Amino acid sequence: MAYKTVERPVLTTAEKLYLPAVMKGLGLTLKYFLKRKKFTRQYPEEPTVVPEGYRGLPSLVKDDEGRVKCVACSMCEWVCPPEAIRVIPGELPGDDPVEKGPKEFELDTLRCIFCGLCEEACPEEAIFLSETFEYCGRSREEMIFGKEKLLEIGGVRAEGVKKWKKEADAGFSRKGPRR
């Protein structure tokens, strides 16, 4: 079998400078630049509307009586793929019928992947993905949000699981069942 050699075409000076290719690219850019309707959002004066189902920053919530819904079961910590959540359980002050709550609750927002597994794993419905999408810090330490910051973002959710109501209806207190 005989091989056929192919000669390269001789390029002109303009083709050697890639001018035709550059002009063709600019022409395409101008075509779409002039054709499309321009859209400008006046940020931050006009707030950005997030779509329904947006998965933003995880946050802790309180119930309608102002108590933290979290019982420090650490399920969110165990299910978190990037290990962005750290929970240290502690005793709750007062005569609440719940034995423990989060002494410390930290979320490393630099590691969080906003997957929503913490929200799904929480048996007390204490952690939710908020609509918060703009937050910043000048150092790594500022991007680790503590319990108070997460409660501030989450606010109050009256609906859902109420751990105090379940235990009070069952007749349990810190001292044990009623007799």
C-alpha atoms as a PDB file:
ATOM      1  CA  MET A   1       0.000   0.000   0.000  1.00  0.00           C
ATOM      2  CA  ALA A   2       1.408   3.345  -1.027  1.00  0.00           C
ATOM      3  CA  TYR A   3       1.058   6.344   1.212  1.00  0.00           C
ATOM      4  CA  LYS A   4       0.007   9.629  -0.273  1.00  0.00           C
ATOM      5  CA  THR A   5       1.740  12.702   1.040  1.00  0.00           C
ATOM      6  CA  VAL A   6      -0.328  15.785   1.620  1.00  0.00           C
ATOM      7  CA  GLU A   7       1.201  19.187   1.125  1.00  0.00           C
ATOM      8  CA  ARG A   8       0.410  21.946   3.596  1.00  0.00           C
ATOM      9  CA  PRO A   9      -1.269  24.959   2.078  1.00  0.00           C
ATOM     10  CA  VAL A  10       0.849  28.091   1.941  1.00  0.00           C
ATOM     11  CA  LEU A  11      -0.519  30.705   4.364  1.00  0.00           C
ATOM     12  CA  THR A  12      -0.738  34.377   3.507  1.00  0.00           C
ATOM     13  CA  THR A  13       0.708  36.992   5.847  1.00  0.00           C
ATOM     14  CA  ALA A  14      -2.766  37.848   7.247  1.00  0.00           C
ATOM     15  CA  GLU A  15      -3.456  34.168   7.929  1.00  0.00           C
ATOM     16  CA  LYS A  16      -0.106  33.807   9.658  1.00  0.00           C
ATOM     17  CA  LEU A  17      -1.089  36.626  12.028  1.00  0.00           C
ATOM     18  CA  TYR A  18      -4.444  34.902  12.783  1.00  0.00           C
ATOM     19  CA  LEU A  19      -6.263  38.123  11.855  1.00  0.00           C
ATOM     20  CA  PRO A  20      -9.135  36.431  10.026  1.00  0.00           C
ATOM     21  CA  ALA A  21      -9.824  34.132  12.996  1.00  0.00           C
ATOM     22  CA  VAL A  22      -9.723  37.024  15.457  1.00  0.00           C
ATOM     23  CA  MET A  23     -12.033  39.155  13.290  1.00  0.00           C
ATOM     24  CA  LYS A  24     -14.454  36.231  12.924  1.00  0.00           C
ATOM     25  CA  GLY A  25     -14.546  35.821  16.725  1.00  0.00           C
ATOM     26  CA  LEU A  26     -15.103  39.556  17.281  1.00  0.00           C
ATOM     27  CA  GLY A  27     -17.877  39.530  14.697  1.00  0.00           C
ATOM     28  CA  LEU A  28     -19.641  36.704  16.534  1.00  0.00           C
ATOM     29  CA  THR A  29     -19.253  38.532  19.858  1.00  0.00           C
ATOM     30  CA  LEU A  30     -20.667  41.768  18.420  1.00  0.00           C
ATOM     31  CA  LYS A  31     -23.568  39.885  16.858  1.00  0.00           C
ATOM     32  CA  TYR A  32     -24.702  38.523  20.240  1.00  0.00           C
ATOM     33  CA  PHE A  33     -23.774  41.699  22.101  1.00  0.00           C
ATOM     34  CA  LEU A  34     -26.052  43.855  19.951  1.00  0.00           C
ATOM     35  CA  LYS A  35     -28.833  41.286  19.635  1.00  0.00           C
ATOM     36  CA  ARG A  36     -29.532  40.363  23.263  1.00  0.00           C
ATOM     37  CA  LYS A  37     -31.640  42.377  25.690  1.00  0.00           C
ATOM     38  CA  LYS A  38     -29.514  43.746  28.483  1.00  0.00           C
ATOM     39  CA  PHE A  39     -30.303  42.851  32.095  1.00  0.00           C
ATOM     40  CA  THR A  40     -28.887  44.669  35.091  1.00  0.00           C
ATOM     41  CA  ARG A  41     -29.771  44.019  38.728  1.00  0.00           C
ATOM     42  CA  GLN A  42     -29.181  47.027  40.960  1.00  0.00           C
ATOM     43  CA  TYR A  43     -27.452  45.079  43.721  1.00  0.00           C
ATOM     44  CA  PRO A  44     -27.596  45.658  46.719  1.00  0.00           C
ATOM     45  CA  GLU A  45     -30.446  48.167  46.410  1.00  0.00           C
ATOM     46  CA  GLU A  46     -32.689  45.564  44.733  1.00  0.00           C
ATOM     47  CA  PRO A  47     -32.705  42.380  46.800  1.00  0.00           C
ATOM     48  CA  THR A  48     -31.984  39.144  44.989  1.00  0.00           C
ATOM     49  CA  VAL A  49     -34.972  36.816  44.947  1.00  0.00           C
ATOM     50  CA  VAL A  50     -33.866  33.264  45.621  1.00  0.00           C
ATOM     51  CA  PRO A  51     -35.796  30.449  43.931  1.00  0.00           C
ATOM     52  CA  GLU A  52     -37.997  28.090  45.929  1.00  0.00           C
ATOM     53  CA  GLY A  53     -36.018  25.145  47.221  1.00  0.00           C
ATOM     54  CA  TYR A  54     -32.804  27.156  47.437  1.00  0.00           C
ATOM     55  CA  ARG A  55     -30.312  25.447  49.740  1.00  0.00           C
ATOM     56  CA  GLY A  56     -28.474  28.151  51.587  1.00  0.00           C
ATOM     57  CA  LEU A  57     -26.625  28.340  54.866  1.00  0.00           C
ATOM     58  CA  PRO A  58     -27.664  25.769  57.543  1.00  0.00           C
ATOM     59  CA  SER A  59     -29.108  27.444  60.626  1.00  0.00           C
ATOM     60  CA  LEU A  60     -30.455  26.505  64.056  1.00  0.00           C
ATOM     61  CA  VAL A  61     -33.985  27.433  65.102  1.00  0.00           C
ATOM     62  CA  LYS A  62     -35.887  28.084  68.314  1.00  0.00           C
ATOM     63  CA  ASP A  63     -39.459  27.085  69.070  1.00  0.00           C
ATOM     64  CA  ASP A  64     -42.264  29.592  69.701  1.00  0.00           C
ATOM     65  CA  GLU A  65     -41.345  29.722  73.420  1.00  0.00           C
ATOM     66  CA  GLY A  66     -37.778  30.817  72.640  1.00  0.00           C
ATOM     67  CA  ARG A  67     -36.048  27.521  73.476  1.00  0.00           C
ATOM     68  CA  VAL A  68     -33.420  25.958  71.231  1.00  0.00           C
ATOM     69  CA  LYS A  69     -34.944  22.948  69.488  1.00  0.00           C
ATOM     70  CA  CYS A  70     -31.612  21.097  69.239  1.00  0.00           C
ATOM     71  CA  VAL A  71     -31.067  18.248  71.752  1.00  0.00           C
ATOM     72  CA  ALA A  72     -27.370  17.790  70.833  1.00  0.00           C
ATOM     73  CA  CYS A  73     -27.889  14.259  69.498  1.00  0.00           C
ATOM     74  CA  SER A  74     -25.008  14.908  67.035  1.00  0.00           C
ATOM     75  CA  MET A  75     -26.776  13.199  64.139  1.00  0.00           C
ATOM     76  CA  CYS A  76     -26.113  16.237  61.932  1.00  0.00           C
ATOM     77  CA  GLU A  77     -22.438  16.025  62.857  1.00  0.00           C
ATOM     78  CA  TRP A  78     -22.261  12.307  62.003  1.00  0.00           C
ATOM     79  CA  VAL A  79     -24.053  12.603  58.662  1.00  0.00           C
ATOM     80  CA  CYS A  80     -22.132  15.662  57.398  1.00  0.00           C
ATOM     81  CA  PRO A  81     -19.878  14.503  54.512  1.00  0.00           C
ATOM     82  CA  PRO A  82     -17.230  17.272  54.803  1.00  0.00           C
ATOM     83  CA  GLU A  83     -17.380  17.221  58.632  1.00  0.00           C
ATOM     84  CA  ALA A  84     -18.323  20.893  58.777  1.00  0.00           C
ATOM     85  CA  ILE A  85     -20.490  20.606  61.931  1.00  0.00           C
ATOM     86  CA  ARG A  86     -19.215  20.213  65.492  1.00  0.00           C
ATOM     87  CA  VAL A  87     -21.607  19.708  68.413  1.00  0.00           C
ATOM     88  CA  ILE A  88     -20.638  19.605  72.097  1.00  0.00           C
ATOM     89  CA  PRO A  89     -23.587  18.534  74.275  1.00  0.00           C
ATOM     90  CA  GLY A  90     -24.266  20.171  77.610  1.00  0.00           C
ATOM     91  CA  GLU A  91     -26.903  20.547  80.312  1.00  0.00           C
ATOM     92  CA  LEU A  92     -29.667  23.048  79.716  1.00  0.00           C
ATOM     93  CA  PRO A  93     -30.200  25.640  82.459  1.00  0.00           C
ATOM     94  CA  GLY A  94     -33.538  25.809  84.266  1.00  0.00           C
ATOM     95  CA  ASP A  95     -36.302  23.296  84.968  1.00  0.00           C
ATOM     96  CA  ASP A  96     -36.900  22.252  81.381  1.00  0.00           C
ATOM     97  CA  PRO A  97     -37.906  18.592  80.991  1.00  0.00           C
ATOM     98  CA  VAL A  98     -35.157  18.088  78.402  1.00  0.00           C
ATOM     99  CA  GLU A  99     -31.853  16.858  79.773  1.00  0.00           C
ATOM    100  CA  LYS A 100     -29.379  18.216  77.244  1.00  0.00           C
ATOM    101  CA  GLY A 101     -28.866  20.719  74.496  1.00  0.00           C
ATOM    102  CA  PRO A 102     -25.924  22.080  72.557  1.00  0.00           C
ATOM    103  CA  LYS A 103     -23.304  23.659  74.805  1.00  0.00           C
ATOM    104  CA  GLU A 104     -21.420  24.526  71.604  1.00  0.00           C
ATOM    105  CA  PHE A 105     -22.567  24.214  68.018  1.00  0.00           C
ATOM    106  CA  GLU A 106     -20.163  25.256  65.278  1.00  0.00           C
ATOM    107  CA  LEU A 107     -20.595  25.287  61.516  1.00  0.00           C
ATOM    108  CA  ASP A 108     -17.536  25.749  59.338  1.00  0.00           C
ATOM    109  CA  THR A 109     -19.061  27.535  56.338  1.00  0.00           C
ATOM    110  CA  LEU A 110     -15.861  27.112  54.333  1.00  0.00           C
ATOM    111  CA  ARG A 111     -16.266  23.329  54.466  1.00  0.00           C
ATOM    112  CA  CYS A 112     -20.073  23.136  54.161  1.00  0.00           C
ATOM    113  CA  ILE A 113     -21.298  21.842  50.772  1.00  0.00           C
ATOM    114  CA  PHE A 114     -24.980  22.785  51.377  1.00  0.00           C
ATOM    115  CA  CYS A 115     -26.129  19.203  50.736  1.00  0.00           C
ATOM    116  CA  GLY A 116     -29.032  19.298  53.227  1.00  0.00           C
ATOM    117  CA  LEU A 117     -28.179  15.991  54.921  1.00  0.00           C
ATOM    118  CA  CYS A 118     -28.010  17.708  58.328  1.00  0.00           C
ATOM    119  CA  GLU A 119     -31.563  18.977  57.860  1.00  0.00           C
ATOM    120  CA  GLU A 120     -32.827  15.522  56.890  1.00  0.00           C
ATOM    121  CA  ALA A 121     -31.037  13.746  59.753  1.00  0.00           C
ATOM    122  CA  CYS A 122     -32.274  16.031  62.546  1.00  0.00           C
ATOM    123  CA  PRO A 123     -35.011  14.222  64.527  1.00  0.00           C
ATOM    124  CA  GLU A 124     -36.111  17.416  66.294  1.00  0.00           C
ATOM    125  CA  GLU A 125     -36.315  19.650  63.196  1.00  0.00           C
ATOM    126  CA  ALA A 126     -33.796  22.008  64.774  1.00  0.00           C
ATOM    127  CA  ILE A 127     -31.569  22.659  61.760  1.00  0.00           C
ATOM    128  CA  PHE A 128     -32.777  24.069  58.457  1.00  0.00           C
ATOM    129  CA  LEU A 129     -31.169  25.317  55.281  1.00  0.00           C
ATOM    130  CA  SER A 130     -31.922  29.033  55.212  1.00  0.00           C
ATOM    131  CA  GLU A 131     -32.223  31.372  52.263  1.00  0.00           C
ATOM    132  CA  THR A 132     -29.050  33.182  53.357  1.00  0.00           C
ATOM    133  CA  PHE A 133     -26.661  33.317  50.427  1.00  0.00           C
ATOM    134  CA  GLU A 134     -24.524  36.343  51.136  1.00  0.00           C
ATOM    135  CA  TYR A 135     -22.140  36.201  54.034  1.00  0.00           C
ATOM    136  CA  CYS A 136     -18.472  36.985  54.194  1.00  0.00           C
ATOM    137  CA  GLY A 137     -15.527  37.166  56.490  1.00  0.00           C
ATOM    138  CA  ARG A 138     -12.000  38.456  56.357  1.00  0.00           C
ATOM    139  CA  SER A 139     -10.467  35.427  58.064  1.00  0.00           C
ATOM    140  CA  ARG A 140     -11.118  31.716  58.490  1.00  0.00           C
ATOM    141  CA  GLU A 141     -12.167  32.259  62.108  1.00  0.00           C
ATOM    142  CA  GLU A 142     -14.951  34.627  61.029  1.00  0.00           C
ATOM    143  CA  MET A 143     -16.344  31.932  58.728  1.00  0.00           C
ATOM    144  CA  ILE A 144     -16.871  29.462  61.578  1.00  0.00           C
ATOM    145  CA  PHE A 145     -20.352  30.294  62.860  1.00  0.00           C
ATOM    146  CA  GLY A 146     -21.196  29.542  66.485  1.00  0.00           C
ATOM    147  CA  LYS A 147     -24.526  28.637  68.058  1.00  0.00           C
ATOM    148  CA  GLU A 148     -25.645  32.231  68.646  1.00  0.00           C
ATOM    149  CA  LYS A 149     -24.913  33.296  65.060  1.00  0.00           C
ATOM    150  CA  LEU A 150     -26.767  30.241  63.663  1.00  0.00           C
ATOM    151  CA  LEU A 151     -29.759  30.913  65.948  1.00  0.00           C
ATOM    152  CA  GLU A 152     -29.805  34.538  64.771  1.00  0.00           C
ATOM    153  CA  ILE A 153     -29.941  33.378  61.136  1.00  0.00           C
ATOM    154  CA  GLY A 154     -32.533  30.652  61.798  1.00  0.00           C
ATOM    155  CA  GLY A 155     -34.944  32.582  63.979  1.00  0.00           C
ATOM    156  CA  VAL A 156     -38.132  30.974  65.320  1.00  0.00           C
ATOM    157  CA  ARG A 157     -40.108  28.077  63.816  1.00  0.00           C
ATOM    158  CA  ALA A 158     -43.302  27.336  65.698  1.00  0.00           C
ATOM    159  CA  GLU A 159     -44.459  24.410  63.565  1.00  0.00           C
ATOM    160  CA  GLY A 160     -42.976  20.931  63.550  1.00  0.00           C
ATOM    161  CA  VAL A 161     -41.655  18.718  66.338  1.00  0.00           C
ATOM    162  CA  LYS A 162     -41.969  20.086  69.873  1.00  0.00           C
ATOM    163  CA  LYS A 163     -39.821  18.003  72.191  1.00  0.00           C
ATOM    164  CA  TRP A 164     -41.178  19.585  75.392  1.00  0.00           C
ATOM    165  CA  LYS A 165     -44.782  18.957  74.362  1.00  0.00           C
ATOM    166  CA  LYS A 166     -44.155  15.253  73.614  1.00  0.00           C
ATOM    167  CA  GLU A 167     -42.458  14.624  76.953  1.00  0.00           C
ATOM    168  CA  ALA A 168     -44.940  16.656  78.975  1.00  0.00           C
ATOM    169  CA  ASP A 169     -47.846  14.725  77.420  1.00  0.00           C
ATOM    170  CA  ALA A 170     -46.106  11.427  78.237  1.00  0.00           C
ATOM    171  CA  GLY A 171     -45.723  12.500  81.873  1.00  0.00           C
ATOM    172  CA  PHE A 172     -41.936  12.669  81.930  1.00  0.00           C
ATOM    173  CA  SER A 173     -39.772  15.259  83.597  1.00  0.00           C
ATOM    174  CA  ARG A 174     -36.098  15.519  84.476  1.00  0.00           C
ATOM    175  CA  LYS A 175     -36.754  13.544  87.626  1.00  0.00           C
ATOM    176  CA  GLY A 176     -38.429  10.667  85.758  1.00  0.00           C
ATOM    177  CA  PRO A 177     -42.049   9.626  85.070  1.00  0.00           C
ATOM    178  CA  ARG A 178     -44.900  11.002  87.170  1.00  0.00           C
ATOM    179  CA  ARG A 179     -46.462   8.641  89.701  1.00  0.00           C
END
